[in-house]
């Protein structure tokens, strides 16, 4: 059984105080696999910084996070950049997304928050 090391309240407080809009190395790694029609999902999106950058490569980018504050920050950043991106508040352990509806799925800072991510 996977045990969470943090709570939703912890992340809500974190994202109220942080707006980390930066270009990440993940964009460079994913670039060879990207195209406008690829469906991309970032799980545990935080500020949505990487996903926002990926909207330059794909018209079908989605961010998922379970923190309400994170979702609000992603929406704010998306609106400021005047780009299109889907945003879903949900749990990474109970994805509200049907199987085989995403071409590229990634995270960049999620798995280390769990004690036993392999179990």
Protein backbone atom coordinates (compact mmCIF):
# COMPACT_ATOMS: atom_id res chain seq x y z
CA UNK A 1 0.00 0.00 0.00
CA UNK A 2 1.32 3.43 -0.94
CA UNK A 3 1.35 5.98 1.86
CA UNK A 4 1.37 9.66 1.14
CA UNK A 5 4.02 11.74 2.89
CA UNK A 6 2.08 14.94 2.46
CA UNK A 7 -1.47 16.13 2.56
CA UNK A 8 -3.60 18.14 0.19
CA UNK A 9 -3.62 20.96 2.76
CA UNK A 10 0.19 21.03 2.67
CA UNK A 11 0.22 21.52 -1.13
CA UNK A 12 -2.63 24.04 -1.05
CA UNK A 13 -0.54 26.21 1.29
CA UNK A 14 2.59 25.71 -0.82
CA UNK A 15 1.00 26.78 -4.13
CA UNK A 16 -0.63 29.85 -2.59
CA UNK A 17 2.91 31.13 -1.92
CA UNK A 18 4.76 29.88 -5.00
CA UNK A 19 4.56 30.69 -8.69
CA UNK A 20 7.44 28.79 -10.28
CA UNK A 21 7.04 29.60 -13.95
CA UNK A 22 10.23 28.32 -15.58
CA UNK A 23 11.31 26.25 -18.56
CA UNK A 24 12.23 22.73 -17.51
CA UNK A 25 14.69 20.19 -18.85
CA UNK A 26 11.76 17.83 -19.44
CA UNK A 27 10.71 19.92 -22.45
CA UNK A 28 14.08 19.25 -24.05
CA UNK A 29 13.79 15.52 -23.36
CA UNK A 30 10.24 15.30 -24.75
CA UNK A 31 10.76 17.52 -27.80
CA UNK A 32 11.66 14.69 -30.23
CA UNK A 33 8.35 12.97 -29.42
CA UNK A 34 6.07 16.00 -29.64
CA UNK A 35 3.65 17.06 -32.33
CA UNK A 36 0.51 19.19 -32.47
CA UNK A 37 -1.84 16.19 -32.26
CA UNK A 38 -0.11 14.39 -29.34
CA UNK A 39 -2.20 14.22 -26.17
CA UNK A 40 0.05 15.16 -23.24
CA UNK A 41 -0.71 14.77 -19.53
CA UNK A 42 1.35 16.13 -16.65
CA UNK A 43 0.48 14.48 -13.34
CA UNK A 44 1.23 16.53 -10.25
CA UNK A 45 1.55 19.65 -12.36
CA UNK A 46 2.23 22.15 -9.56
CA UNK A 47 2.48 25.55 -11.27
CA UNK A 48 1.98 24.00 -14.71
CA UNK A 49 5.23 25.56 -15.94
CA UNK A 50 6.39 22.63 -18.05
CA UNK A 51 2.94 21.90 -19.44
CA UNK A 52 2.55 25.55 -20.38
CA UNK A 53 5.77 25.38 -22.36
CA UNK A 54 4.54 22.18 -24.04
CA UNK A 55 1.51 24.05 -25.42
CA UNK A 56 3.97 25.46 -27.97
CA UNK A 57 4.36 21.91 -29.32
CA UNK A 58 0.91 20.38 -28.83
CA UNK A 59 -2.67 21.61 -28.91
CA UNK A 60 -3.75 18.88 -26.45
CA UNK A 61 -1.98 19.45 -23.14
CA UNK A 62 -3.62 18.62 -19.80
CA UNK A 63 -2.45 19.35 -16.26
CA UNK A 64 -3.63 17.28 -13.31
CA UNK A 65 -3.04 18.17 -9.66
CA UNK A 66 -4.97 17.46 -6.50
CA UNK A 67 -4.27 20.80 -4.84
CA UNK A 68 -6.94 23.45 -5.35
CA UNK A 69 -4.30 26.18 -4.99
CA UNK A 70 -2.17 24.53 -7.65
CA UNK A 71 -5.15 24.39 -10.02
CA UNK A 72 -5.85 28.07 -9.44
CA UNK A 73 -2.17 28.92 -10.08
CA UNK A 74 -2.11 26.88 -13.29
CA UNK A 75 -5.26 28.69 -14.51
CA UNK A 76 -3.72 32.06 -13.65
CA UNK A 77 -0.48 31.21 -15.49
CA UNK A 78 -2.39 29.82 -18.49
CA UNK A 79 -4.53 32.94 -18.70
CA UNK A 80 -1.52 35.27 -18.37
CA UNK A 81 0.21 33.44 -21.22
CA UNK A 82 -3.04 33.42 -23.24
CA UNK A 83 -2.70 29.79 -24.23
CA UNK A 84 -5.06 26.81 -24.26
CA UNK A 85 -4.57 23.94 -21.83
CA UNK A 86 -6.97 21.61 -20.03
CA UNK A 87 -6.77 21.57 -16.25
CA UNK A 88 -8.13 18.82 -14.00
CA UNK A 89 -8.21 18.65 -10.23
CA UNK A 90 -7.77 14.99 -9.37
CA UNK A 91 -5.82 12.32 -7.55
CA UNK A 92 -2.83 10.63 -9.23
CA UNK A 93 -3.87 7.36 -7.58
CA UNK A 94 -7.40 7.57 -9.01
CA UNK A 95 -6.88 9.20 -12.38
CA UNK A 96 -10.09 10.71 -13.77
CA UNK A 97 -8.86 9.91 -17.28
CA UNK A 98 -9.80 6.92 -19.42
CA UNK A 99 -7.15 4.41 -20.49
CA UNK A 100 -5.47 4.98 -23.86
CA UNK A 101 -6.53 8.63 -24.09
CA UNK A 102 -3.03 10.08 -23.58
CA UNK A 103 0.03 9.74 -25.83
CA UNK A 104 2.62 11.19 -23.44
CA UNK A 105 2.31 11.15 -19.67
CA UNK A 106 4.98 12.54 -17.35
CA UNK A 107 5.69 14.05 -13.99
CA UNK A 108 8.62 16.08 -12.83
CA UNK A 109 8.40 16.11 -9.10
CA UNK A 110 5.72 13.80 -7.84
CA UNK A 111 7.01 10.32 -7.09
CA UNK A 112 9.56 11.43 -4.49
CA UNK A 113 6.69 12.58 -2.26
CA UNK A 114 5.63 9.01 -1.56
CA UNK A 115 7.34 6.57 0.82
CA UNK A 116 6.93 3.46 -1.33
CA UNK A 117 6.27 4.57 -4.93
CA UNK A 118 6.94 1.07 -6.34
CA UNK A 119 4.43 -0.78 -4.08
